Amino acid sequence: MASGVKPRVKVPKSASAGEAIVIKTLISHPMESGQRKDSSGNPIPRSIINRFTCEFNGQSVIDVTMEPAISTNPYFEFEATVPEAGDFAFTWYDDDGSVYNDVQSVAV
């Protein structure tokens, strides 16, 4: 895991079957666009989280492709319907090949 990159996820611990819950995610990441130059005039390489996915029990809930204009520390809030007890799996993909994961369980 790259230095300082840390995912944070907030998912309710329990829900009723069929209930729509709110999920909040944030990943601490500097998100360098590749458009800036350092003090010597050299381009700073692009380094962004370029994709975020969430699955529930293996089924896709959300799949987002991010572009260089995304803000530092990208935050996502979305709703998901919980049909049964299970696990939400969150994955962030970094330009440098790093992959960050988190899993949160929900009881019904």
PDB file of N, CA and C in Angstrom:
ATOM      1  N   MET A   1       0.849  -1.176   0.000  1.00  0.00           N
ATOM      2  CA  MET A   1       0.000   0.000   0.000  1.00  0.00           C
ATOM      3  C   MET A   1       0.890   1.232   0.000  1.00  0.00           C
ATOM      4  N   ALA A   2       0.593   2.177  -0.880  1.00  0.00           N
ATOM      5  CA  ALA A   2       1.370   3.406  -0.963  1.00  0.00           C
ATOM      6  C   ALA A   2       1.270   4.165   0.354  1.00  0.00           C
ATOM      7  N   SER A   3       2.322   4.895   0.665  1.00  0.00           N
ATOM      8  CA  SER A   3       2.375   5.634   1.912  1.00  0.00           C
ATOM      9  C   SER A   3       1.213   6.618   2.037  1.00  0.00           C
ATOM     10  N   GLY A   4       0.538   6.558   3.170  1.00  0.00           N
ATOM     11  CA  GLY A   4      -0.524   7.517   3.451  1.00  0.00           C
ATOM     12  C   GLY A   4      -1.874   7.203   2.829  1.00  0.00           C
ATOM     13  N   VAL A   5      -1.963   6.181   1.985  1.00  0.00           N
ATOM     14  CA  VAL A   5      -3.241   5.857   1.344  1.00  0.00           C
ATOM     15  C   VAL A   5      -4.027   4.949   2.284  1.00  0.00           C
ATOM     16  N   LYS A   6      -5.229   5.411   2.667  1.00  0.00           N
ATOM     17  CA  LYS A   6      -6.022   4.648   3.623  1.00  0.00           C
ATOM     18  C   LYS A   6      -7.499   4.757   3.274  1.00  0.00           C
ATOM     19  N   PRO A   7      -8.154   3.610   3.006  1.00  0.00           N
ATOM     20  CA  PRO A   7      -9.603   3.654   2.770  1.00  0.00           C
ATOM     21  C   PRO A   7     -10.374   3.668   4.079  1.00  0.00           C
ATOM     22  N   ARG A   8     -11.497   4.392   4.065  1.00  0.00           N
ATOM     23  CA  ARG A   8     -12.424   4.396   5.201  1.00  0.00           C
ATOM     24  C   ARG A   8     -13.820   4.148   4.652  1.00  0.00           C
ATOM     25  N   VAL A   9     -14.546   3.253   5.311  1.00  0.00           N
ATOM     26  CA  VAL A   9     -15.878   2.861   4.844  1.00  0.00           C
ATOM     27  C   VAL A   9     -16.839   2.866   6.018  1.00  0.00           C
ATOM     28  N   LYS A  10     -18.055   3.376   5.776  1.00  0.00           N
ATOM     29  CA  LYS A  10     -19.098   3.343   6.809  1.00  0.00           C
ATOM     30  C   LYS A  10     -20.319   2.641   6.229  1.00  0.00           C
ATOM     31  N   VAL A  11     -20.629   1.472   6.810  1.00  0.00           N
ATOM     32  CA  VAL A  11     -21.765   0.652   6.394  1.00  0.00           C
ATOM     33  C   VAL A  11     -22.531   0.280   7.665  1.00  0.00           C
ATOM     34  N   PRO A  12     -23.869   0.368   7.661  1.00  0.00           N
ATOM     35  CA  PRO A  12     -24.620  -0.079   8.842  1.00  0.00           C
ATOM     36  C   PRO A  12     -24.307  -1.544   9.160  1.00  0.00           C
ATOM     37  N   LYS A  13     -24.255  -1.879  10.445  1.00  0.00           N
ATOM     38  CA  LYS A  13     -23.938  -3.252  10.867  1.00  0.00           C
ATOM     39  C   LYS A  13     -25.080  -4.215  10.583  1.00  0.00           C
ATOM     40  N   SER A  14     -26.318  -3.668  10.525  1.00  0.00           N
ATOM     41  CA  SER A  14     -27.464  -4.530  10.244  1.00  0.00           C
ATOM     42  C   SER A  14     -28.505  -3.755   9.453  1.00  0.00           C
ATOM     43  N   ALA A  15     -29.383  -4.511   8.778  1.00  0.00           N
ATOM     44  CA  ALA A  15     -30.449  -3.924   7.970  1.00  0.00           C
ATOM     45  C   ALA A  15     -31.553  -4.962   7.839  1.00  0.00           C
ATOM     46  N   SER A  16     -32.716  -4.522   7.416  1.00  0.00           N
ATOM     47  CA  SER A  16     -33.810  -5.444   7.123  1.00  0.00           C
ATOM     48  C   SER A  16     -33.654  -5.935   5.693  1.00  0.00           C
ATOM     49  N   ALA A  17     -34.073  -7.149   5.412  1.00  0.00           N
ATOM     50  CA  ALA A  17     -34.011  -7.674   4.043  1.00  0.00           C
ATOM     51  C   ALA A  17     -34.799  -6.741   3.126  1.00  0.00           C
ATOM     52  N   GLY A  18     -34.183  -6.330   2.026  1.00  0.00           N
ATOM     53  CA  GLY A  18     -34.824  -5.440   1.072  1.00  0.00           C
ATOM     54  C   GLY A  18     -34.648  -3.963   1.375  1.00  0.00           C
ATOM     55  N   GLU A  19     -34.019  -3.640   2.494  1.00  0.00           N
ATOM     56  CA  GLU A  19     -33.813  -2.239   2.887  1.00  0.00           C
ATOM     57  C   GLU A  19     -32.692  -1.598   2.073  1.00  0.00           C
ATOM     58  N   ALA A  20     -32.894  -0.337   1.703  1.00  0.00           N
ATOM     59  CA  ALA A  20     -31.839   0.445   1.056  1.00  0.00           C
ATOM     60  C   ALA A  20     -31.036   1.134   2.156  1.00  0.00           C
ATOM     61  N   ILE A  21     -29.743   0.896   2.178  1.00  0.00           N
ATOM     62  CA  ILE A  21     -28.865   1.512   3.168  1.00  0.00           C
ATOM     63  C   ILE A  21     -27.941   2.515   2.495  1.00  0.00           C
ATOM     64  N   VAL A  22     -27.434   3.451   3.279  1.00  0.00           N
ATOM     65  CA  VAL A  22     -26.480   4.443   2.773  1.00  0.00           C
ATOM     66  C   VAL A  22     -25.076   3.964   3.117  1.00  0.00           C
ATOM     67  N   ILE A  23     -24.211   3.967   2.110  1.00  0.00           N
ATOM     68  CA  ILE A  23     -22.814   3.579   2.271  1.00  0.00           C
ATOM     69  C   ILE A  23     -21.959   4.804   1.977  1.00  0.00           C
ATOM     70  N   LYS A  24     -20.973   5.030   2.829  1.00  0.00           N
ATOM     71  CA  LYS A  24     -20.065   6.170   2.658  1.00  0.00           C
ATOM     72  C   LYS A  24     -18.638   5.644   2.601  1.00  0.00           C
ATOM     73  N   THR A  25     -17.887   6.105   1.603  1.00  0.00           N
ATOM     74  CA  THR A  25     -16.486   5.701   1.475  1.00  0.00           C
ATOM     75  C   THR A  25     -15.619   6.921   1.215  1.00  0.00           C
ATOM     76  N   LEU A  26     -14.415   6.873   1.738  1.00  0.00           N
ATOM     77  CA  LEU A  26     -13.427   7.913   1.496  1.00  0.00           C
ATOM     78  C   LEU A  26     -12.073   7.233   1.476  1.00  0.00           C
ATOM     79  N   ILE A  27     -11.219   7.633   0.545  1.00  0.00           N
ATOM     80  CA  ILE A  27      -9.856   7.109   0.542  1.00  0.00           C
ATOM     81  C   ILE A  27      -8.898   8.293   0.552  1.00  0.00           C
ATOM     82  N   SER A  28      -7.978   8.273   1.505  1.00  0.00           N
ATOM     83  CA  SER A  28      -6.968   9.330   1.601  1.00  0.00           C
ATOM     84  C   SER A  28      -5.930   9.087   0.512  1.00  0.00           C
ATOM     85  N   HIS A  29      -5.886   9.990  -0.464  1.00  0.00           N
ATOM     86  CA  HIS A  29      -4.963   9.850  -1.592  1.00  0.00           C
ATOM     87  C   HIS A  29      -4.742  11.229  -2.202  1.00  0.00           C
ATOM     88  N   PRO A  30      -3.503  11.605  -2.529  1.00  0.00           N
ATOM     89  CA  PRO A  30      -3.236  12.958  -3.039  1.00  0.00           C
ATOM     90  C   PRO A  30      -3.778  13.244  -4.446  1.00  0.00           C
ATOM     91  N   MET A  31      -4.035  12.214  -5.253  1.00  0.00           N
ATOM     92  CA  MET A  31      -4.629  12.371  -6.590  1.00  0.00           C
ATOM     93  C   MET A  31      -3.887  13.411  -7.448  1.00  0.00           C
ATOM     94  N   GLU A  32      -2.684  13.081  -7.866  1.00  0.00           N
ATOM     95  CA  GLU A  32      -1.895  13.970  -8.729  1.00  0.00           C
ATOM     96  C   GLU A  32      -2.348  13.803 -10.170  1.00  0.00           C
ATOM     97  N   SER A  33      -2.760  14.889 -10.810  1.00  0.00           N
ATOM     98  CA  SER A  33      -3.364  14.843 -12.150  1.00  0.00           C
ATOM     99  C   SER A  33      -2.377  14.589 -13.285  1.00  0.00           C
ATOM    100  N   GLY A  34      -1.097  14.832 -13.053  1.00  0.00           N
ATOM    101  CA  GLY A  34      -0.113  14.701 -14.127  1.00  0.00           C
ATOM    102  C   GLY A  34       0.038  15.981 -14.938  1.00  0.00           C
ATOM    103  N   GLN A  35      -0.698  17.014 -14.572  1.00  0.00           N
ATOM    104  CA  GLN A  35      -0.671  18.289 -15.290  1.00  0.00           C
ATOM    105  C   GLN A  35       0.299  19.298 -14.670  1.00  0.00           C
ATOM    106  N   ARG A  36       0.722  19.053 -13.432  1.00  0.00           N
ATOM    107  CA  ARG A  36       1.583  20.024 -12.741  1.00  0.00           C
ATOM    108  C   ARG A  36       3.058  19.688 -12.945  1.00  0.00           C
ATOM    109  N   LYS A  37       3.916  20.674 -12.614  1.00  0.00           N
ATOM    110  CA  LYS A  37       5.364  20.484 -12.692  1.00  0.00           C
ATOM    111  C   LYS A  37       5.967  20.732 -11.318  1.00  0.00           C
ATOM    112  N   ASP A  38       7.095  20.048 -11.056  1.00  0.00           N
ATOM    113  CA  ASP A  38       7.782  20.259  -9.786  1.00  0.00           C
ATOM    114  C   ASP A  38       8.598  21.544  -9.848  1.00  0.00           C
ATOM    115  N   SER A  39       9.345  21.868  -8.775  1.00  0.00           N
ATOM    116  CA  SER A  39      10.096  23.123  -8.703  1.00  0.00           C
ATOM    117  C   SER A  39      11.200  23.214  -9.757  1.00  0.00           C
ATOM    118  N   SER A  40      11.607  22.088 -10.334  1.00  0.00           N
ATOM    119  CA  SER A  40      12.631  22.082 -11.393  1.00  0.00           C
ATOM    120  C   SER A  40      12.011  22.151 -12.784  1.00  0.00           C
ATOM    121  N   GLY A  41      10.691  22.193 -12.859  1.00  0.00           N
ATOM    122  CA  GLY A  41      10.015  22.270 -14.154  1.00  0.00           C
ATOM    123  C   GLY A  41       9.707  20.923 -14.782  1.00  0.00           C
ATOM    124  N   ASN A  42       9.977  19.838 -14.058  1.00  0.00           N
ATOM    125  CA  ASN A  42       9.690  18.501 -14.575  1.00  0.00           C
ATOM    126  C   ASN A  42       8.242  18.111 -14.283  1.00  0.00           C
ATOM    127  N   PRO A  43       7.593  17.448 -15.239  1.00  0.00           N
ATOM    128  CA  PRO A  43       6.206  17.025 -14.996  1.00  0.00           C
ATOM    129  C   PRO A  43       6.134  16.061 -13.809  1.00  0.00           C
ATOM    130  N   ILE A  44       5.126  16.256 -12.971  1.00  0.00           N
ATOM    131  CA  ILE A  44       4.868  15.328 -11.869  1.00  0.00           C
ATOM    132  C   ILE A  44       3.985  14.228 -12.444  1.00  0.00           C
ATOM    133  N   PRO A  45       4.410  12.973 -12.365  1.00  0.00           N
ATOM    134  CA  PRO A  45       3.624  11.889 -12.975  1.00  0.00           C
ATOM    135  C   PRO A  45       2.217  11.785 -12.399  1.00  0.00           C
ATOM    136  N   ARG A  46       1.293  11.415 -13.258  1.00  0.00           N
ATOM    137  CA  ARG A  46      -0.086  11.205 -12.831  1.00  0.00           C
ATOM    138  C   ARG A  46      -0.108  10.077 -11.805  1.00  0.00           C
ATOM    139  N   SER A  47      -0.881  10.268 -10.746  1.00  0.00           N
ATOM    140  CA  SER A  47      -1.063   9.245  -9.724  1.00  0.00           C
ATOM    141  C   SER A  47      -2.445   9.453  -9.120  1.00  0.00           C
ATOM    142  N   ILE A  48      -3.419   8.706  -9.644  1.00  0.00           N
ATOM    143  CA  ILE A  48      -4.781   8.822  -9.140  1.00  0.00           C
ATOM    144  C   ILE A  48      -5.366   7.439  -8.861  1.00  0.00           C
ATOM    145  N   ILE A  49      -6.385   7.426  -8.022  1.00  0.00           N
ATOM    146  CA  ILE A  49      -7.224   6.244  -7.917  1.00  0.00           C
ATOM    147  C   ILE A  49      -8.074   6.299  -9.188  1.00  0.00           C
ATOM    148  N   ASN A  50      -7.920   5.330 -10.086  1.00  0.00           N
ATOM    149  CA  ASN A  50      -8.595   5.417 -11.392  1.00  0.00           C
ATOM    150  C   ASN A  50      -9.886   4.607 -11.474  1.00  0.00           C
ATOM    151  N   ARG A  51     -10.153   3.795 -10.434  1.00  0.00           N
ATOM    152  CA  ARG A  51     -11.384   3.002 -10.450  1.00  0.00           C
ATOM    153  C   ARG A  51     -11.767   2.638  -9.025  1.00  0.00           C
ATOM    154  N   PHE A  52     -13.067   2.641  -8.763  1.00  0.00           N
ATOM    155  CA  PHE A  52     -13.610   2.226  -7.469  1.00  0.00           C
ATOM    156  C   PHE A  52     -14.766   1.274  -7.735  1.00  0.00           C
ATOM    157  N   THR A  53     -14.771   0.135  -7.038  1.00  0.00           N
ATOM    158  CA  THR A  53     -15.872  -0.811  -7.187  1.00  0.00           C
ATOM    159  C   THR A  53     -16.386  -1.232  -5.813  1.00  0.00           C
ATOM    160  N   CYS A  54     -17.647  -1.621  -5.797  1.00  0.00           N
ATOM    161  CA  CYS A  54     -18.262  -2.201  -4.602  1.00  0.00           C
ATOM    162  C   CYS A  54     -19.103  -3.376  -5.068  1.00  0.00           C
ATOM    163  N   GLU A  55     -18.958  -4.487  -4.379  1.00  0.00           N
ATOM    164  CA  GLU A  55     -19.769  -5.682  -4.646  1.00  0.00           C
ATOM    165  C   GLU A  55     -20.439  -6.122  -3.354  1.00  0.00           C
ATOM    166  N   PHE A  56     -21.613  -6.734  -3.493  1.00  0.00           N
ATOM    167  CA  PHE A  56     -22.294  -7.344  -2.351  1.00  0.00           C
ATOM    168  C   PHE A  56     -22.469  -8.817  -2.657  1.00  0.00           C
ATOM    169  N   ASN A  57     -21.857  -9.665  -1.841  1.00  0.00           N
ATOM    170  CA  ASN A  57     -21.890 -11.119  -2.059  1.00  0.00           C
ATOM    171  C   ASN A  57     -21.571 -11.481  -3.505  1.00  0.00           C
ATOM    172  N   GLY A  58     -20.571 -10.807  -4.080  1.00  0.00           N
ATOM    173  CA  GLY A  58     -20.112 -11.108  -5.437  1.00  0.00           C
ATOM    174  C   GLY A  58     -20.862 -10.414  -6.551  1.00  0.00           C
ATOM    175  N   GLN A  59     -21.937  -9.688  -6.228  1.00  0.00           N
ATOM    176  CA  GLN A  59     -22.721  -8.966  -7.242  1.00  0.00           C
ATOM    177  C   GLN A  59     -22.304  -7.502  -7.266  1.00  0.00           C
ATOM    178  N   SER A  60     -22.086  -6.949  -8.453  1.00  0.00           N
ATOM    179  CA  SER A  60     -21.674  -5.550  -8.584  1.00  0.00           C
ATOM    180  C   SER A  60     -22.749  -4.600  -8.075  1.00  0.00           C
ATOM    181  N   VAL A  61     -22.344  -3.648  -7.246  1.00  0.00           N
ATOM    182  CA  VAL A  61     -23.231  -2.605  -6.738  1.00  0.00           C
ATOM    183  C   VAL A  61     -22.909  -1.291  -7.436  1.00  0.00           C
ATOM    184  N   ILE A  62     -21.614  -0.978  -7.553  1.00  0.00           N
ATOM    185  CA  ILE A  62     -21.171   0.258  -8.198  1.00  0.00           C
ATOM    186  C   ILE A  62     -19.788   0.026  -8.797  1.00  0.00           C
ATOM    187  N   ASP A  63     -19.536   0.647  -9.939  1.00  0.00           N
ATOM    188  CA  ASP A  63     -18.236   0.553 -10.614  1.00  0.00           C
ATOM    189  C   ASP A  63     -17.980   1.914 -11.242  1.00  0.00           C
ATOM    190  N   VAL A  64     -17.021   2.659 -10.694  1.00  0.00           N
ATOM    191  CA  VAL A  64     -16.767   4.035 -11.098  1.00  0.00           C
ATOM    192  C   VAL A  64     -15.371   4.158 -11.699  1.00  0.00           C
ATOM    193  N   THR A  65     -15.270   4.775 -12.863  1.00  0.00           N
ATOM    194  CA  THR A  65     -13.982   5.114 -13.460  1.00  0.00           C
ATOM    195  C   THR A  65     -13.704   6.574 -13.148  1.00  0.00           C
ATOM    196  N   MET A  66     -12.531   6.859 -12.597  1.00  0.00           N
ATOM    197  CA  MET A  66     -12.175   8.221 -12.221  1.00  0.00           C
ATOM    198  C   MET A  66     -11.139   8.790 -13.186  1.00  0.00           C
ATOM    199  N   GLU A  67     -11.236  10.075 -13.418  1.00  0.00           N
ATOM    200  CA  GLU A  67     -10.343  10.794 -14.326  1.00  0.00           C
ATOM    201  C   GLU A  67      -9.450  11.740 -13.521  1.00  0.00           C
ATOM    202  N   PRO A  68      -8.409  12.323 -14.133  1.00  0.00           N
ATOM    203  CA  PRO A  68      -7.480  13.185 -13.399  1.00  0.00           C
ATOM    204  C   PRO A  68      -8.123  14.387 -12.694  1.00  0.00           C
ATOM    205  N   ALA A  69      -9.294  14.820 -13.117  1.00  0.00           N
ATOM    206  CA  ALA A  69      -9.930  15.982 -12.489  1.00  0.00           C
ATOM    207  C   ALA A  69     -10.591  15.653 -11.150  1.00  0.00           C
ATOM    208  N   ILE A  70     -10.582  14.388 -10.737  1.00  0.00           N
ATOM    209  CA  ILE A  70     -11.194  14.007  -9.455  1.00  0.00           C
ATOM    210  C   ILE A  70     -10.423  14.669  -8.313  1.00  0.00           C
ATOM    211  N   SER A  71     -11.118  15.009  -7.249  1.00  0.00           N
ATOM    212  CA  SER A  71     -10.486  15.713  -6.133  1.00  0.00           C
ATOM    213  C   SER A  71      -9.591  14.791  -5.307  1.00  0.00           C
ATOM    214  N   THR A  72      -8.736  15.427  -4.523  1.00  0.00           N
ATOM    215  CA  THR A  72      -7.929  14.707  -3.545  1.00  0.00           C
ATOM    216  C   THR A  72      -8.876  14.001  -2.572  1.00  0.00           C
ATOM    217  N   ASN A  73      -8.484  12.839  -2.071  1.00  0.00           N
ATOM    218  CA  ASN A  73      -9.265  12.085  -1.086  1.00  0.00           C
ATOM    219  C   ASN A  73     -10.703  11.846  -1.559  1.00  0.00           C
ATOM    220  N   PRO A  74     -10.883  11.114  -2.663  1.00  0.00           N
ATOM    221  CA  PRO A  74     -12.233  10.942  -3.221  1.00  0.00           C
ATOM    222  C   PRO A  74     -13.214  10.279  -2.247  1.00  0.00           C
ATOM    223  N   TYR A  75     -14.410  10.867  -2.198  1.00  0.00           N
ATOM    224  CA  TYR A  75     -15.483  10.450  -1.305  1.00  0.00           C
ATOM    225  C   TYR A  75     -16.673  10.019  -2.158  1.00  0.00           C
ATOM    226  N   PHE A  76     -17.245   8.865  -1.827  1.00  0.00           N
ATOM    227  CA  PHE A  76     -18.455   8.406  -2.498  1.00  0.00           C
ATOM    228  C   PHE A  76     -19.496   8.064  -1.450  1.00  0.00           C
ATOM    229  N   GLU A  77     -20.732   8.482  -1.718  1.00  0.00           N
ATOM    230  CA  GLU A  77     -21.870   8.108  -0.890  1.00  0.00           C
ATOM    231  C   GLU A  77     -22.935   7.582  -1.841  1.00  0.00           C
ATOM    232  N   PHE A  78     -23.457   6.398  -1.547  1.00  0.00           N
ATOM    233  CA  PHE A  78     -24.459   5.799  -2.422  1.00  0.00           C
ATOM    234  C   PHE A  78     -25.345   4.867  -1.607  1.00  0.00           C
ATOM    235  N   GLU A  79     -26.476   4.502  -2.200  1.00  0.00           N
ATOM    236  CA  GLU A  79     -27.394   3.568  -1.556  1.00  0.00           C
ATOM    237  C   GLU A  79     -27.273   2.197  -2.199  1.00  0.00           C
ATOM    238  N   ALA A  80     -27.498   1.180  -1.387  1.00  0.00           N
ATOM    239  CA  ALA A  80     -27.513  -0.192  -1.888  1.00  0.00           C
ATOM    240  C   ALA A  80     -28.621  -0.941  -1.159  1.00  0.00           C
ATOM    241  N   THR A  81     -29.316  -1.789  -1.876  1.00  0.00           N
ATOM    242  CA  THR A  81     -30.359  -2.613  -1.277  1.00  0.00           C
ATOM    243  C   THR A  81     -29.733  -3.888  -0.742  1.00  0.00           C
ATOM    244  N   VAL A  82     -30.091  -4.230   0.474  1.00  0.00           N
ATOM    245  CA  VAL A  82     -29.548  -5.419   1.134  1.00  0.00           C
ATOM    246  C   VAL A  82     -30.592  -6.537   1.053  1.00  0.00           C
ATOM    247  N   PRO A  83     -30.427  -7.503   0.127  1.00  0.00           N
ATOM    248  CA  PRO A  83     -31.418  -8.569   0.000  1.00  0.00           C
ATOM    249  C   PRO A  83     -31.269  -9.654   1.060  1.00  0.00           C
ATOM    250  N   GLU A  84     -30.070  -9.763   1.644  1.00  0.00           N
ATOM    251  CA  GLU A  84     -29.755 -10.834   2.596  1.00  0.00           C
ATOM    252  C   GLU A  84     -28.517 -10.430   3.378  1.00  0.00           C
ATOM    253  N   ALA A  85     -28.202 -11.170   4.404  1.00  0.00           N
ATOM    254  CA  ALA A  85     -26.958 -10.924   5.142  1.00  0.00           C
ATOM    255  C   ALA A  85     -25.778 -11.195   4.215  1.00  0.00           C
ATOM    256  N   GLY A  86     -24.697 -10.457   4.408  1.00  0.00           N
ATOM    257  CA  GLY A  86     -23.536 -10.703   3.566  1.00  0.00           C
ATOM    258  C   GLY A  86     -22.464  -9.656   3.720  1.00  0.00           C
ATOM    259  N   ASP A  87     -21.567  -9.653   2.743  1.00  0.00           N
ATOM    260  CA  ASP A  87     -20.398  -8.786   2.777  1.00  0.00           C
ATOM    261  C   ASP A  87     -20.378  -7.815   1.601  1.00  0.00           C
ATOM    262  N   PHE A  88     -20.095  -6.569   1.930  1.00  0.00           N
ATOM    263  CA  PHE A  88     -19.788  -5.569   0.913  1.00  0.00           C
ATOM    264  C   PHE A  88     -18.278  -5.556   0.752  1.00  0.00           C
ATOM    265  N   ALA A  89     -17.795  -5.725  -0.473  1.00  0.00           N
ATOM    266  CA  ALA A  89     -16.359  -5.690  -0.764  1.00  0.00           C
ATOM    267  C   ALA A  89     -16.068  -4.437  -1.577  1.00  0.00           C
ATOM    268  N   PHE A  90     -15.163  -3.613  -1.069  1.00  0.00           N
ATOM    269  CA  PHE A  90     -14.800  -2.340  -1.700  1.00  0.00           C
ATOM    270  C   PHE A  90     -13.381  -2.443  -2.234  1.00  0.00           C
ATOM    271  N   THR A  91     -13.162  -1.951  -3.459  1.00  0.00           N
ATOM    272  CA  THR A  91     -11.835  -2.011  -4.065  1.00  0.00           C
ATOM    273  C   THR A  91     -11.533  -0.698  -4.778  1.00  0.00           C
ATOM    274  N   TRP A  92     -10.348  -0.165  -4.488  1.00  0.00           N
ATOM    275  CA  TRP A  92      -9.853   1.037  -5.153  1.00  0.00           C
ATOM    276  C   TRP A  92      -8.603   0.638  -5.939  1.00  0.00           C
ATOM    277  N   TYR A  93      -8.501   1.107  -7.189  1.00  0.00           N
ATOM    278  CA  TYR A  93      -7.375   0.773  -8.068  1.00  0.00           C
ATOM    279  C   TYR A  93      -6.549   2.027  -8.325  1.00  0.00           C
ATOM    280  N   ASP A  94      -5.247   1.955  -8.067  1.00  0.00           N
ATOM    281  CA  ASP A  94      -4.331   3.087  -8.197  1.00  0.00           C
ATOM    282  C   ASP A  94      -3.552   2.975  -9.508  1.00  0.00           C
ATOM    283  N   ASP A  95      -3.199   4.126 -10.080  1.00  0.00           N
ATOM    284  CA  ASP A  95      -2.380   4.151 -11.300  1.00  0.00           C
ATOM    285  C   ASP A  95      -1.083   3.363 -11.157  1.00  0.00           C
ATOM    286  N   ASP A  96      -0.513   3.342  -9.954  1.00  0.00           N
ATOM    287  CA  ASP A  96       0.780   2.671  -9.770  1.00  0.00           C
ATOM    288  C   ASP A  96       0.650   1.150  -9.638  1.00  0.00           C
ATOM    289  N   GLY A  97      -0.584   0.648  -9.817  1.00  0.00           N
ATOM    290  CA  GLY A  97      -0.812  -0.790  -9.739  1.00  0.00           C
ATOM    291  C   GLY A  97      -1.275  -1.259  -8.367  1.00  0.00           C
ATOM    292  N   SER A  98      -1.221  -0.365  -7.370  1.00  0.00           N
ATOM    293  CA  SER A  98      -1.690  -0.736  -6.038  1.00  0.00           C
ATOM    294  C   SER A  98      -3.200  -0.932  -6.045  1.00  0.00           C
ATOM    295  N   VAL A  99      -3.658  -1.855  -5.213  1.00  0.00           N
ATOM    296  CA  VAL A  99      -5.083  -2.121  -5.042  1.00  0.00           C
ATOM    297  C   VAL A  99      -5.358  -2.081  -3.546  1.00  0.00           C
ATOM    298  N   TYR A 100      -6.378  -1.317  -3.164  1.00  0.00           N
ATOM    299  CA  TYR A 100      -6.750  -1.162  -1.765  1.00  0.00           C
ATOM    300  C   TYR A 100      -8.123  -1.791  -1.563  1.00  0.00           C
ATOM    301  N   ASN A 101      -8.276  -2.545  -0.491  1.00  0.00           N
ATOM    302  CA  ASN A 101      -9.526  -3.281  -0.255  1.00  0.00           C
ATOM    303  C   ASN A 101     -10.058  -3.045   1.145  1.00  0.00           C
ATOM    304  N   ASP A 102     -11.356  -3.190   1.277  1.00  0.00           N
ATOM    305  CA  ASP A 102     -12.008  -3.211   2.574  1.00  0.00           C
ATOM    306  C   ASP A 102     -13.256  -4.080   2.422  1.00  0.00           C
ATOM    307  N   VAL A 103     -13.614  -4.778   3.477  1.00  0.00           N
ATOM    308  CA  VAL A 103     -14.826  -5.606   3.497  1.00  0.00           C
ATOM    309  C   VAL A 103     -15.611  -5.253   4.749  1.00  0.00           C
ATOM    310  N   GLN A 104     -16.926  -5.043   4.570  1.00  0.00           N
ATOM    311  CA  GLN A 104     -17.817  -4.736   5.678  1.00  0.00           C
ATOM    312  C   GLN A 104     -18.995  -5.698   5.617  1.00  0.00           C
ATOM    313  N   SER A 105     -19.327  -6.311   6.741  1.00  0.00           N
ATOM    314  CA  SER A 105     -20.441  -7.257   6.804  1.00  0.00           C
ATOM    315  C   SER A 105     -21.709  -6.560   7.274  1.00  0.00           C
ATOM    316  N   VAL A 106     -22.854  -7.052   6.761  1.00  0.00           N
ATOM    317  CA  VAL A 106     -24.160  -6.554   7.170  1.00  0.00           C
ATOM    318  C   VAL A 106     -24.997  -7.756   7.595  1.00  0.00           C
ATOM    319  N   ALA A 107     -25.581  -7.665   8.775  1.00  0.00           N
ATOM    320  CA  ALA A 107     -26.481  -8.709   9.280  1.00  0.00           C
ATOM    321  C   ALA A 107     -27.918  -8.330   8.933  1.00  0.00           C
ATOM    322  N   VAL A 108     -28.750  -9.329   8.695  1.00  0.00           N
ATOM    323  CA  VAL A 108     -30.173  -9.088   8.399  1.00  0.00           C
ATOM    324  C   VAL A 108     -30.996  -9.724   9.486  1.00  0.00           C
TER     325      VAL A 108
END
